[in-house]
Amino acid sequence: MQPRNMSMSGVVDLAAVKAAGEAKQKAEQARAEAARTGQAPVSGARLVFDVDEAGFQQDVLQRSTEVPVVIDFWAEWCEPCKQLGPLLERLAGEYAGKFVLAKIDVDANQMLFQQFGVQGIPAVFAVVAGQPIPLFQGAAPESQIRQVLDQLVQAAEQQFGIVGAPVDPQAAGEPAQEAEAPVPAGPYDALLEAANQALDSGDLGGAVQAYKNVLNDDPANPEAKLGLAQAELLHRVQDLDPQAVRKEAAENPADVQAQIRAADLDLVGGHVEDAFGRLVDTVKRSAGDDREAARRRLLELFEVIGAEDPRVTAARTALARVLF
């Protein structure tokens, strides 16, 4: 049996991510304000950018592990491109960071044009977790484009846990003093502090409920989401016999629940790559409800580690390869 006061310090430090959580919460508030006013809270230069063959790896493939990247293949001589391009740029602003738009001039980047198998332009693709996804070809109506983009954003979040966010105001060129202004205390600070203390003291059931209480009223609260993921993980493993779990997983590689339990123990023990790799392999060789259970547990473990961790980035890419 795992000791009740087992710590997550070997995996992730909740206190260390509080500042990042507050920044993400401000981003969510900025997005909500943008939706209310109809204005994008970020610089278009960060949402829309030109890409060439030399920068494709970093600007598109690597970035696609953090936010869906929509690619607009265009050319100066293409009249429909002149209609579609501005529309996509406007939508990138309206979606306020839920996706970014990469523009590729096919005349200057023939290799990329051929690698994507583009038959004609304008052509629009997406890249999510390093995997290309064809969206549509030609100057489609705005209503159809919005529908496609909504489906893309939803799939990126549900399948891979990838959720874009508005660009930091300071990075977008806003005055430094505004970006550095102190964040007012939120209405859930006391509840979060109590939840964090419950987690640190080993009151896992209490911590789970406390974080859920915050999320019931503030579903996007990043610190509560992280804390809940940690508390639920510890709660799942506290009564497991590690030796028995690992023996069962080794002897029954096709038993999805056995692999899920072993992955939980891997993560708590600090073996992050092992946990992710085990579940990616389980997704690959399973189907139906079993496959969905393994995929969902993998996304839950991503929440424990954090979206910015390179191990999460690599696992998302691996997950995309086995799903597509």
C-alpha atoms as a PDB file:
ATOM      1  CA  MET A   1       0.000   0.000   0.000  1.00  0.00           C
ATOM      2  CA  GLN A   2       1.249   3.507  -0.773  1.00  0.00           C
ATOM      3  CA  PRO A   3       1.596   5.759   2.303  1.00  0.00           C
ATOM      4  CA  ARG A   4      -1.294   8.188   2.664  1.00  0.00           C
ATOM      5  CA  ASN A   5       0.969  11.238   2.784  1.00  0.00           C
ATOM      6  CA  MET A   6       2.808  10.396  -0.429  1.00  0.00           C
ATOM      7  CA  SER A   7       4.020  13.515  -2.242  1.00  0.00           C
ATOM      8  CA  MET A   8       3.929  14.704  -5.826  1.00  0.00           C
ATOM      9  CA  SER A   9       7.220  16.561  -5.372  1.00  0.00           C
ATOM     10  CA  GLY A  10       9.005  14.147  -7.668  1.00  0.00           C
ATOM     11  CA  VAL A  11       6.583  14.910 -10.462  1.00  0.00           C
ATOM     12  CA  VAL A  12       5.389  18.499 -10.277  1.00  0.00           C
ATOM     13  CA  ASP A  13       5.336  21.267  -7.690  1.00  0.00           C
ATOM     14  CA  LEU A  14       1.898  22.832  -7.370  1.00  0.00           C
ATOM     15  CA  ALA A  15       3.251  26.033  -5.877  1.00  0.00           C
ATOM     16  CA  ALA A  16       5.690  26.442  -8.754  1.00  0.00           C
ATOM     17  CA  VAL A  17       2.899  26.620 -11.293  1.00  0.00           C
ATOM     18  CA  LYS A  18       0.696  29.067  -9.412  1.00  0.00           C
ATOM     19  CA  ALA A  19       2.089  32.100 -11.226  1.00  0.00           C
ATOM     20  CA  ALA A  20       1.664  30.393 -14.570  1.00  0.00           C
ATOM     21  CA  GLY A  21      -1.839  29.405 -13.576  1.00  0.00           C
ATOM     22  CA  GLU A  22      -2.707  33.005 -12.774  1.00  0.00           C
ATOM     23  CA  ALA A  23      -1.312  34.112 -16.141  1.00  0.00           C
ATOM     24  CA  LYS A  24      -3.402  31.490 -17.897  1.00  0.00           C
ATOM     25  CA  GLN A  25      -6.465  32.623 -15.979  1.00  0.00           C
ATOM     26  CA  LYS A  26      -5.845  36.191 -17.160  1.00  0.00           C
ATOM     27  CA  ALA A  27      -5.636  34.855 -20.688  1.00  0.00           C
ATOM     28  CA  GLU A  28      -9.005  33.147 -20.299  1.00  0.00           C
ATOM     29  CA  GLN A  29     -10.466  36.405 -19.000  1.00  0.00           C
ATOM     30  CA  ALA A  30      -8.977  38.250 -21.969  1.00  0.00           C
ATOM     31  CA  ARG A  31     -10.561  35.741 -24.328  1.00  0.00           C
ATOM     32  CA  ALA A  32     -13.953  36.164 -22.649  1.00  0.00           C
ATOM     33  CA  GLU A  33     -13.650  39.924 -22.921  1.00  0.00           C
ATOM     34  CA  ALA A  34     -12.711  39.591 -26.589  1.00  0.00           C
ATOM     35  CA  ALA A  35     -15.808  37.503 -27.190  1.00  0.00           C
ATOM     36  CA  ARG A  36     -17.944  40.120 -25.450  1.00  0.00           C
ATOM     37  CA  THR A  37     -16.519  43.100 -27.336  1.00  0.00           C
ATOM     38  CA  GLY A  38     -15.838  41.377 -30.648  1.00  0.00           C
ATOM     39  CA  GLN A  39     -12.171  42.424 -30.536  1.00  0.00           C
ATOM     40  CA  ALA A  40      -9.094  40.226 -30.403  1.00  0.00           C
ATOM     41  CA  PRO A  41      -6.937  40.858 -27.304  1.00  0.00           C
ATOM     42  CA  VAL A  42      -3.691  39.997 -29.053  1.00  0.00           C
ATOM     43  CA  SER A  43      -1.485  41.234 -31.821  1.00  0.00           C
ATOM     44  CA  GLY A  44      -2.342  39.837 -35.238  1.00  0.00           C
ATOM     45  CA  ALA A  45       1.378  39.407 -35.865  1.00  0.00           C
ATOM     46  CA  ARG A  46       1.433  36.550 -33.385  1.00  0.00           C
ATOM     47  CA  LEU A  47      -1.712  34.887 -34.636  1.00  0.00           C
ATOM     48  CA  VAL A  48      -0.951  35.172 -38.351  1.00  0.00           C
ATOM     49  CA  PHE A  49       2.536  34.624 -39.729  1.00  0.00           C
ATOM     50  CA  ASP A  50       4.373  33.633 -42.897  1.00  0.00           C
ATOM     51  CA  VAL A  51       6.168  30.291 -42.943  1.00  0.00           C
ATOM     52  CA  ASP A  52       8.889  28.986 -45.238  1.00  0.00           C
ATOM     53  CA  GLU A  53      10.616  25.628 -45.530  1.00  0.00           C
ATOM     54  CA  ALA A  54      13.432  26.635 -43.184  1.00  0.00           C
ATOM     55  CA  GLY A  55      11.079  27.613 -40.362  1.00  0.00           C
ATOM     56  CA  PHE A  56       8.415  24.953 -40.834  1.00  0.00           C
ATOM     57  CA  GLN A  57       9.755  22.594 -38.149  1.00  0.00           C
ATOM     58  CA  GLN A  58       9.719  25.198 -35.411  1.00  0.00           C
ATOM     59  CA  ASP A  59       6.915  27.501 -36.522  1.00  0.00           C
ATOM     60  CA  VAL A  60       4.407  24.803 -37.437  1.00  0.00           C
ATOM     61  CA  LEU A  61       5.334  21.319 -36.203  1.00  0.00           C
ATOM     62  CA  GLN A  62       6.630  22.306 -32.775  1.00  0.00           C
ATOM     63  CA  ARG A  63       4.007  24.971 -32.266  1.00  0.00           C
ATOM     64  CA  SER A  64       1.241  22.496 -33.121  1.00  0.00           C
ATOM     65  CA  THR A  65       1.879  20.700 -29.831  1.00  0.00           C
ATOM     66  CA  GLU A  66       0.601  23.794 -28.003  1.00  0.00           C
ATOM     67  CA  VAL A  67      -2.067  25.199 -30.330  1.00  0.00           C
ATOM     68  CA  PRO A  68      -3.747  24.037 -33.565  1.00  0.00           C
ATOM     69  CA  VAL A  69      -1.923  25.529 -36.565  1.00  0.00           C
ATOM     70  CA  VAL A  70      -4.059  26.272 -39.614  1.00  0.00           C
ATOM     71  CA  ILE A  71      -2.090  26.491 -42.880  1.00  0.00           C
ATOM     72  CA  ASP A  72      -3.207  28.664 -45.784  1.00  0.00           C
ATOM     73  CA  PHE A  73      -1.495  27.667 -49.050  1.00  0.00           C
ATOM     74  CA  TRP A  74      -1.695  30.684 -51.363  1.00  0.00           C
ATOM     75  CA  ALA A  75       0.002  32.496 -54.242  1.00  0.00           C
ATOM     76  CA  GLU A  76       0.078  36.091 -55.442  1.00  0.00           C
ATOM     77  CA  TRP A  77      -1.515  35.194 -58.780  1.00  0.00           C
ATOM     78  CA  CYS A  78      -4.424  33.285 -57.176  1.00  0.00           C
ATOM     79  CA  GLU A  79      -7.556  35.449 -57.167  1.00  0.00           C
ATOM     80  CA  PRO A  80      -9.607  33.223 -54.771  1.00  0.00           C
ATOM     81  CA  CYS A  81      -6.636  33.335 -52.373  1.00  0.00           C
ATOM     82  CA  LYS A  82      -7.056  37.114 -52.148  1.00  0.00           C
ATOM     83  CA  GLN A  83     -10.571  36.575 -50.821  1.00  0.00           C
ATOM     84  CA  LEU A  84      -9.893  33.649 -48.533  1.00  0.00           C
ATOM     85  CA  GLY A  85      -6.664  34.933 -46.974  1.00  0.00           C
ATOM     86  CA  PRO A  86      -8.113  38.075 -45.337  1.00  0.00           C
ATOM     87  CA  LEU A  87     -11.105  36.074 -44.110  1.00  0.00           C
ATOM     88  CA  LEU A  88      -8.872  33.514 -42.398  1.00  0.00           C
ATOM     89  CA  GLU A  89      -6.798  36.304 -40.877  1.00  0.00           C
ATOM     90  CA  ARG A  90      -9.906  37.963 -39.480  1.00  0.00           C
ATOM     91  CA  LEU A  91     -11.145  34.667 -38.058  1.00  0.00           C
ATOM     92  CA  ALA A  92      -7.767  34.056 -36.436  1.00  0.00           C
ATOM     93  CA  GLY A  93      -8.258  37.319 -34.570  1.00  0.00           C
ATOM     94  CA  GLU A  94     -11.848  36.531 -33.632  1.00  0.00           C
ATOM     95  CA  TYR A  95     -10.928  33.088 -32.305  1.00  0.00           C
ATOM     96  CA  ALA A  96      -8.426  34.898 -30.070  1.00  0.00           C
ATOM     97  CA  GLY A  97      -5.676  32.294 -29.924  1.00  0.00           C
ATOM     98  CA  LYS A  98      -7.704  29.086 -30.176  1.00  0.00           C
ATOM     99  CA  PHE A  99      -5.714  28.509 -33.375  1.00  0.00           C
ATOM    100  CA  VAL A 100      -2.925  30.290 -35.228  1.00  0.00           C
ATOM    101  CA  LEU A 101      -2.691  30.856 -38.971  1.00  0.00           C
ATOM    102  CA  ALA A 102       0.458  30.009 -40.947  1.00  0.00           C
ATOM    103  CA  LYS A 103       0.565  31.390 -44.511  1.00  0.00           C
ATOM    104  CA  ILE A 104       2.672  29.536 -47.071  1.00  0.00           C
ATOM    105  CA  ASP A 105       3.437  31.021 -50.493  1.00  0.00           C
ATOM    106  CA  VAL A 106       3.449  27.955 -52.744  1.00  0.00           C
ATOM    107  CA  ASP A 107       5.646  29.617 -55.392  1.00  0.00           C
ATOM    108  CA  ALA A 108       8.414  30.136 -52.850  1.00  0.00           C
ATOM    109  CA  ASN A 109       7.921  26.818 -51.008  1.00  0.00           C
ATOM    110  CA  GLN A 110       7.380  24.131 -53.605  1.00  0.00           C
ATOM    111  CA  MET A 111       8.681  21.357 -51.355  1.00  0.00           C
ATOM    112  CA  LEU A 112       6.009  22.021 -48.702  1.00  0.00           C
ATOM    113  CA  PHE A 113       3.389  22.299 -51.440  1.00  0.00           C
ATOM    114  CA  GLN A 114       4.348  18.819 -52.678  1.00  0.00           C
ATOM    115  CA  GLN A 115       4.737  17.233 -49.244  1.00  0.00           C
ATOM    116  CA  PHE A 116       1.165  18.132 -48.304  1.00  0.00           C
ATOM    117  CA  GLY A 117      -0.110  16.774 -51.616  1.00  0.00           C
ATOM    118  CA  VAL A 118      -1.895  20.011 -52.444  1.00  0.00           C
ATOM    119  CA  GLN A 119      -3.897  19.644 -55.663  1.00  0.00           C
ATOM    120  CA  GLY A 120      -4.822  23.290 -56.101  1.00  0.00           C
ATOM    121  CA  ILE A 121      -5.019  26.598 -54.241  1.00  0.00           C
ATOM    122  CA  PRO A 122      -6.296  28.046 -52.083  1.00  0.00           C
ATOM    123  CA  ALA A 123      -5.954  24.985 -49.884  1.00  0.00           C
ATOM    124  CA  VAL A 124      -6.259  24.914 -46.115  1.00  0.00           C
ATOM    125  CA  PHE A 125      -4.754  22.282 -43.821  1.00  0.00           C
ATOM    126  CA  ALA A 126      -4.245  22.043 -40.071  1.00  0.00           C
ATOM    127  CA  VAL A 127      -1.434  20.528 -38.037  1.00  0.00           C
ATOM    128  CA  VAL A 128      -2.243  19.220 -34.554  1.00  0.00           C
ATOM    129  CA  ALA A 129       0.395  17.509 -32.413  1.00  0.00           C
ATOM    130  CA  GLY A 130       2.623  17.300 -35.477  1.00  0.00           C
ATOM    131  CA  GLN A 131       0.005  15.566 -37.617  1.00  0.00           C
ATOM    132  CA  PRO A 132      -1.392  17.157 -40.816  1.00  0.00           C
ATOM    133  CA  ILE A 133      -5.162  17.278 -41.273  1.00  0.00           C
ATOM    134  CA  PRO A 134      -6.768  18.452 -44.556  1.00  0.00           C
ATOM    135  CA  LEU A 135      -9.557  20.971 -43.911  1.00  0.00           C
ATOM    136  CA  PHE A 136     -10.901  22.272 -47.228  1.00  0.00           C
ATOM    137  CA  GLN A 137      -9.913  23.509 -50.677  1.00  0.00           C
ATOM    138  CA  GLY A 138     -11.145  26.594 -52.468  1.00  0.00           C
ATOM    139  CA  ALA A 139     -12.791  29.787 -51.234  1.00  0.00           C
ATOM    140  CA  ALA A 140     -15.457  28.219 -49.005  1.00  0.00           C
ATOM    141  CA  PRO A 141     -18.283  30.257 -47.437  1.00  0.00           C
ATOM    142  CA  GLU A 142     -17.521  31.836 -44.071  1.00  0.00           C
ATOM    143  CA  SER A 143     -20.212  29.791 -42.298  1.00  0.00           C
ATOM    144  CA  GLN A 144     -18.630  26.561 -43.540  1.00  0.00           C
ATOM    145  CA  ILE A 145     -15.150  27.725 -42.559  1.00  0.00           C
ATOM    146  CA  ARG A 146     -16.332  28.590 -39.049  1.00  0.00           C
ATOM    147  CA  GLN A 147     -17.881  25.143 -38.713  1.00  0.00           C
ATOM    148  CA  VAL A 148     -14.625  23.488 -39.777  1.00  0.00           C
ATOM    149  CA  LEU A 149     -12.594  25.623 -37.375  1.00  0.00           C
ATOM    150  CA  ASP A 150     -14.966  24.864 -34.497  1.00  0.00           C
ATOM    151  CA  GLN A 151     -14.567  21.147 -35.175  1.00  0.00           C
ATOM    152  CA  LEU A 152     -10.792  21.523 -35.334  1.00  0.00           C
ATOM    153  CA  VAL A 153     -10.591  23.375 -32.014  1.00  0.00           C
ATOM    154  CA  GLN A 154     -12.893  20.834 -30.356  1.00  0.00           C
ATOM    155  CA  ALA A 155     -10.951  17.853 -31.696  1.00  0.00           C
ATOM    156  CA  ALA A 156      -7.621  19.331 -30.615  1.00  0.00           C
ATOM    157  CA  GLU A 157      -8.886  19.729 -27.066  1.00  0.00           C
ATOM    158  CA  GLN A 158     -10.802  16.466 -26.749  1.00  0.00           C
ATOM    159  CA  GLN A 159      -8.327  14.189 -28.530  1.00  0.00           C
ATOM    160  CA  PHE A 160      -5.031  15.702 -27.386  1.00  0.00           C
ATOM    161  CA  GLY A 161      -5.805  18.196 -24.627  1.00  0.00           C
ATOM    162  CA  ILE A 162      -4.374  21.003 -26.786  1.00  0.00           C
ATOM    163  CA  VAL A 163      -5.996  24.344 -26.038  1.00  0.00           C
ATOM    164  CA  GLY A 164      -4.616  27.563 -27.489  1.00  0.00           C
ATOM    165  CA  ALA A 165      -4.539  30.797 -25.509  1.00  0.00           C
ATOM    166  CA  PRO A 166      -4.193  34.509 -26.296  1.00  0.00           C
ATOM    167  CA  VAL A 167      -0.658  35.839 -26.657  1.00  0.00           C
ATOM    168  CA  ASP A 168       0.813  37.447 -23.567  1.00  0.00           C
ATOM    169  CA  PRO A 169       0.052  41.204 -23.665  1.00  0.00           C
ATOM    170  CA  GLN A 170       3.706  42.123 -23.164  1.00  0.00           C
ATOM    171  CA  ALA A 171       4.754  39.871 -26.063  1.00  0.00           C
ATOM    172  CA  ALA A 172       2.110  41.530 -28.215  1.00  0.00           C
ATOM    173  CA  GLY A 173       3.716  44.903 -27.701  1.00  0.00           C
ATOM    174  CA  GLU A 174       1.564  46.306 -24.894  1.00  0.00           C
ATOM    175  CA  PRO A 175       3.225  48.654 -22.378  1.00  0.00           C
ATOM    176  CA  ALA A 176       5.391  46.762 -19.919  1.00  0.00           C
ATOM    177  CA  GLN A 177       3.744  48.360 -16.915  1.00  0.00           C
ATOM    178  CA  GLU A 178       0.377  46.907 -17.916  1.00  0.00           C
ATOM    179  CA  ALA A 179       1.805  43.431 -18.377  1.00  0.00           C
ATOM    180  CA  GLU A 180       3.517  43.594 -14.993  1.00  0.00           C
ATOM    181  CA  ALA A 181       0.542  44.967 -13.057  1.00  0.00           C
ATOM    182  CA  PRO A 182      -0.330  42.831 -10.007  1.00  0.00           C
ATOM    183  CA  VAL A 183      -3.156  40.372 -10.451  1.00  0.00           C
ATOM    184  CA  PRO A 184      -6.069  41.104  -8.123  1.00  0.00           C
ATOM    185  CA  ALA A 185      -6.925  38.335  -5.691  1.00  0.00           C
ATOM    186  CA  GLY A 186      -9.574  36.080  -7.129  1.00  0.00           C
ATOM    187  CA  PRO A 187     -12.725  34.996  -5.327  1.00  0.00           C
ATOM    188  CA  TYR A 188     -11.417  31.438  -4.894  1.00  0.00           C
ATOM    189  CA  ASP A 189      -8.014  32.127  -3.304  1.00  0.00           C
ATOM    190  CA  ALA A 190      -9.058  30.944   0.171  1.00  0.00           C
ATOM    191  CA  LEU A 191     -10.734  27.820  -1.217  1.00  0.00           C
ATOM    192  CA  LEU A 192      -7.695  27.000  -3.311  1.00  0.00           C
ATOM    193  CA  GLU A 193      -5.372  27.473  -0.353  1.00  0.00           C
ATOM    194  CA  ALA A 194      -7.495  25.074   1.694  1.00  0.00           C
ATOM    195  CA  ALA A 195      -7.481  22.557  -1.161  1.00  0.00           C
ATOM    196  CA  ASN A 196      -3.703  22.826  -1.521  1.00  0.00           C
ATOM    197  CA  GLN A 197      -3.241  22.272   2.206  1.00  0.00           C
ATOM    198  CA  ALA A 198      -5.491  19.223   2.098  1.00  0.00           C
ATOM    199  CA  LEU A 199      -3.424  17.821  -0.777  1.00  0.00           C
ATOM    200  CA  ASP A 200      -0.129  18.489   1.002  1.00  0.00           C
ATOM    201  CA  SER A 201      -1.387  16.897   4.226  1.00  0.00           C
ATOM    202  CA  GLY A 202      -2.574  13.748   2.457  1.00  0.00           C
ATOM    203  CA  ASP A 203      -6.317  14.389   2.846  1.00  0.00           C
ATOM    204  CA  LEU A 204      -6.856  13.299  -0.738  1.00  0.00           C
ATOM    205  CA  GLY A 205     -10.620  12.910  -0.601  1.00  0.00           C
ATOM    206  CA  GLY A 206     -10.951  16.356   0.913  1.00  0.00           C
ATOM    207  CA  ALA A 207      -8.592  17.841  -1.679  1.00  0.00           C
ATOM    208  CA  VAL A 208     -10.528  16.273  -4.567  1.00  0.00           C
ATOM    209  CA  GLN A 209     -13.805  17.686  -3.289  1.00  0.00           C
ATOM    210  CA  ALA A 210     -12.298  21.110  -2.564  1.00  0.00           C
ATOM    211  CA  TYR A 211     -10.879  21.470  -6.062  1.00  0.00           C
ATOM    212  CA  LYS A 212     -14.192  20.299  -7.558  1.00  0.00           C
ATOM    213  CA  ASN A 213     -16.000  22.947  -5.540  1.00  0.00           C
ATOM    214  CA  VAL A 214     -13.855  25.639  -7.132  1.00  0.00           C
ATOM    215  CA  LEU A 215     -14.292  24.197 -10.619  1.00  0.00           C
ATOM    216  CA  ASN A 216     -18.064  23.971 -10.257  1.00  0.00           C
ATOM    217  CA  ASP A 217     -18.171  27.781 -10.234  1.00  0.00           C
ATOM    218  CA  ASP A 218     -14.996  28.476 -12.222  1.00  0.00           C
ATOM    219  CA  PRO A 219     -14.478  25.599 -14.707  1.00  0.00           C
ATOM    220  CA  ALA A 220     -11.429  27.181 -16.337  1.00  0.00           C
ATOM    221  CA  ASN A 221      -9.481  27.814 -13.124  1.00  0.00           C
ATOM    222  CA  PRO A 222      -6.004  26.464 -14.038  1.00  0.00           C
ATOM    223  CA  GLU A 223      -4.694  25.915 -10.514  1.00  0.00           C
ATOM    224  CA  ALA A 224      -7.804  24.009  -9.488  1.00  0.00           C
ATOM    225  CA  LYS A 225      -7.620  21.864 -12.625  1.00  0.00           C
ATOM    226  CA  LEU A 226      -3.990  21.009 -11.910  1.00  0.00           C
ATOM    227  CA  GLY A 227      -4.637  20.347  -8.233  1.00  0.00           C
ATOM    228  CA  LEU A 228      -7.609  18.118  -9.011  1.00  0.00           C
ATOM    229  CA  ALA A 229      -5.564  16.070 -11.484  1.00  0.00           C
ATOM    230  CA  GLN A 230      -2.863  15.522  -8.859  1.00  0.00           C
ATOM    231  CA  ALA A 231      -5.295  14.734  -6.050  1.00  0.00           C
ATOM    232  CA  GLU A 232      -7.265  12.256  -8.145  1.00  0.00           C
ATOM    233  CA  LEU A 233      -4.076  10.521  -9.230  1.00  0.00           C
ATOM    234  CA  LEU A 234      -2.864  10.118  -5.650  1.00  0.00           C
ATOM    235  CA  HIS A 235      -6.319   8.999  -4.550  1.00  0.00           C
ATOM    236  CA  ARG A 236      -6.337   6.286  -7.229  1.00  0.00           C
ATOM    237  CA  VAL A 237      -2.986   4.817  -6.246  1.00  0.00           C
ATOM    238  CA  GLN A 238      -3.033   5.154  -2.450  1.00  0.00           C
ATOM    239  CA  ASP A 239      -4.446   1.649  -1.879  1.00  0.00           C
ATOM    240  CA  LEU A 240      -2.650  -0.114  -4.731  1.00  0.00           C
ATOM    241  CA  ASP A 241      -0.002  -2.771  -4.155  1.00  0.00           C
ATOM    242  CA  PRO A 242       2.731  -1.619  -6.580  1.00  0.00           C
ATOM    243  CA  GLN A 243       4.334  -5.054  -6.896  1.00  0.00           C
ATOM    244  CA  ALA A 244       1.004  -6.748  -7.657  1.00  0.00           C
ATOM    245  CA  VAL A 245      -0.012  -4.047 -10.122  1.00  0.00           C
ATOM    246  CA  ARG A 246       3.241  -4.246 -12.064  1.00  0.00           C
ATOM    247  CA  LYS A 247       3.153  -8.033 -12.105  1.00  0.00           C
ATOM    248  CA  GLU A 248      -0.399  -8.016 -13.458  1.00  0.00           C
ATOM    249  CA  ALA A 249       0.485  -5.456 -16.147  1.00  0.00           C
ATOM    250  CA  ALA A 250       3.542  -7.430 -17.233  1.00  0.00           C
ATOM    251  CA  GLU A 251       1.633 -10.694 -17.464  1.00  0.00           C
ATOM    252  CA  ASN A 252      -1.426  -9.194 -19.179  1.00  0.00           C
ATOM    253  CA  PRO A 253      -0.302  -6.633 -21.760  1.00  0.00           C
ATOM    254  CA  ALA A 254      -3.785  -6.672 -23.345  1.00  0.00           C
ATOM    255  CA  ASP A 255      -5.524  -5.816 -20.058  1.00  0.00           C
ATOM    256  CA  VAL A 256      -6.180  -2.104 -20.498  1.00  0.00           C
ATOM    257  CA  GLN A 257      -7.183  -1.428 -16.886  1.00  0.00           C
ATOM    258  CA  ALA A 258      -4.009  -3.158 -15.666  1.00  0.00           C
ATOM    259  CA  GLN A 259      -1.928  -0.916 -17.931  1.00  0.00           C
ATOM    260  CA  ILE A 260      -3.797   2.177 -16.732  1.00  0.00           C
ATOM    261  CA  ARG A 261      -3.115   1.308 -13.093  1.00  0.00           C
ATOM    262  CA  ALA A 262       0.551   0.689 -13.857  1.00  0.00           C
ATOM    263  CA  ALA A 263       0.792   4.011 -15.699  1.00  0.00           C
ATOM    264  CA  ASP A 264      -0.594   5.814 -12.657  1.00  0.00           C
ATOM    265  CA  LEU A 265       2.094   4.225 -10.501  1.00  0.00           C
ATOM    266  CA  ASP A 266       4.754   5.068 -13.091  1.00  0.00           C
ATOM    267  CA  LEU A 267       3.818   8.738 -12.932  1.00  0.00           C
ATOM    268  CA  VAL A 268       3.668   8.920  -9.153  1.00  0.00           C
ATOM    269  CA  GLY A 269       7.100   7.315  -9.070  1.00  0.00           C
ATOM    270  CA  GLY A 270       8.463  10.027 -11.363  1.00  0.00           C
ATOM    271  CA  HIS A 271       8.760   7.743 -14.407  1.00  0.00           C
ATOM    272  CA  VAL A 272       6.883  10.149 -16.661  1.00  0.00           C
ATOM    273  CA  GLU A 273       8.063   8.835 -20.032  1.00  0.00           C
ATOM    274  CA  ASP A 274       7.284   5.260 -18.960  1.00  0.00           C
ATOM    275  CA  ALA A 275       3.742   6.218 -17.966  1.00  0.00           C
ATOM    276  CA  PHE A 276       3.096   8.076 -21.204  1.00  0.00           C
ATOM    277  CA  GLY A 277       4.693   5.396 -23.356  1.00  0.00           C
ATOM    278  CA  ARG A 278       2.690   2.634 -21.683  1.00  0.00           C
ATOM    279  CA  LEU A 279      -0.594   4.398 -22.401  1.00  0.00           C
ATOM    280  CA  VAL A 280       0.309   5.363 -25.964  1.00  0.00           C
ATOM    281  CA  ASP A 281       1.112   1.706 -26.640  1.00  0.00           C
ATOM    282  CA  THR A 282      -2.170   0.687 -25.006  1.00  0.00           C
ATOM    283  CA  VAL A 283      -4.120   3.094 -27.204  1.00  0.00           C
ATOM    284  CA  LYS A 284      -2.319   1.704 -30.249  1.00  0.00           C
ATOM    285  CA  ARG A 285      -3.213  -1.934 -29.625  1.00  0.00           C
ATOM    286  CA  SER A 286      -6.729  -1.510 -28.233  1.00  0.00           C
ATOM    287  CA  ALA A 287     -10.088  -0.486 -29.676  1.00  0.00           C
ATOM    288  CA  GLY A 288     -13.517   0.787 -28.696  1.00  0.00           C
ATOM    289  CA  ASP A 289     -14.179   1.644 -25.059  1.00  0.00           C
ATOM    290  CA  ASP A 290     -10.824   0.240 -23.954  1.00  0.00           C
ATOM    291  CA  ARG A 291      -8.973   2.531 -26.341  1.00  0.00           C
ATOM    292  CA  GLU A 292     -10.998   5.531 -25.198  1.00  0.00           C
ATOM    293  CA  ALA A 293     -10.305   4.724 -21.532  1.00  0.00           C
ATOM    294  CA  ALA A 294      -6.553   4.620 -22.150  1.00  0.00           C
ATOM    295  CA  ARG A 295      -6.648   7.841 -24.193  1.00  0.00           C
ATOM    296  CA  ARG A 296      -8.611   9.692 -21.527  1.00  0.00           C
ATOM    297  CA  ARG A 297      -6.267   8.560 -18.749  1.00  0.00           C
ATOM    298  CA  LEU A 298      -3.323   9.763 -20.822  1.00  0.00           C
ATOM    299  CA  LEU A 299      -4.917  13.215 -21.130  1.00  0.00           C
ATOM    300  CA  GLU A 300      -5.529  13.240 -17.372  1.00  0.00           C
ATOM    301  CA  LEU A 301      -1.857  12.508 -16.754  1.00  0.00           C
ATOM    302  CA  PHE A 302      -0.930  15.319 -19.140  1.00  0.00           C
ATOM    303  CA  GLU A 303      -2.844  17.629 -16.781  1.00  0.00           C
ATOM    304  CA  VAL A 304      -0.727  16.444 -13.859  1.00  0.00           C
ATOM    305  CA  ILE A 305       2.544  17.277 -15.584  1.00  0.00           C
ATOM    306  CA  GLY A 306       1.504  20.431 -17.436  1.00  0.00           C
ATOM    307  CA  ALA A 307       1.102  21.327 -21.093  1.00  0.00           C
ATOM    308  CA  GLU A 308       4.458  23.092 -21.368  1.00  0.00           C
ATOM    309  CA  ASP A 309       6.525  20.066 -20.318  1.00  0.00           C
ATOM    310  CA  PRO A 310       8.473  18.643 -23.300  1.00  0.00           C
ATOM    311  CA  ARG A 311       7.547  15.115 -22.228  1.00  0.00           C
ATOM    312  CA  VAL A 312       3.880  16.017 -22.683  1.00  0.00           C
ATOM    313  CA  THR A 313       4.662  17.534 -26.083  1.00  0.00           C
ATOM    314  CA  ALA A 314       6.409  14.358 -27.208  1.00  0.00           C
ATOM    315  CA  ALA A 315       3.628  12.118 -25.905  1.00  0.00           C
ATOM    316  CA  ARG A 316       0.962  14.175 -27.655  1.00  0.00           C
ATOM    317  CA  THR A 317       2.794  13.749 -30.930  1.00  0.00           C
ATOM    318  CA  ALA A 318       3.101   9.999 -30.323  1.00  0.00           C
ATOM    319  CA  LEU A 319      -0.610   9.821 -29.490  1.00  0.00           C
ATOM    320  CA  ALA A 320      -1.479  11.602 -32.720  1.00  0.00           C
ATOM    321  CA  ARG A 321       0.526   9.082 -34.722  1.00  0.00           C
ATOM    322  CA  VAL A 322      -1.407   6.133 -33.348  1.00  0.00           C
ATOM    323  CA  LEU A 323      -4.795   7.832 -33.630  1.00  0.00           C
ATOM    324  CA  PHE A 324      -4.461   8.963 -37.235  1.00  0.00           C
END
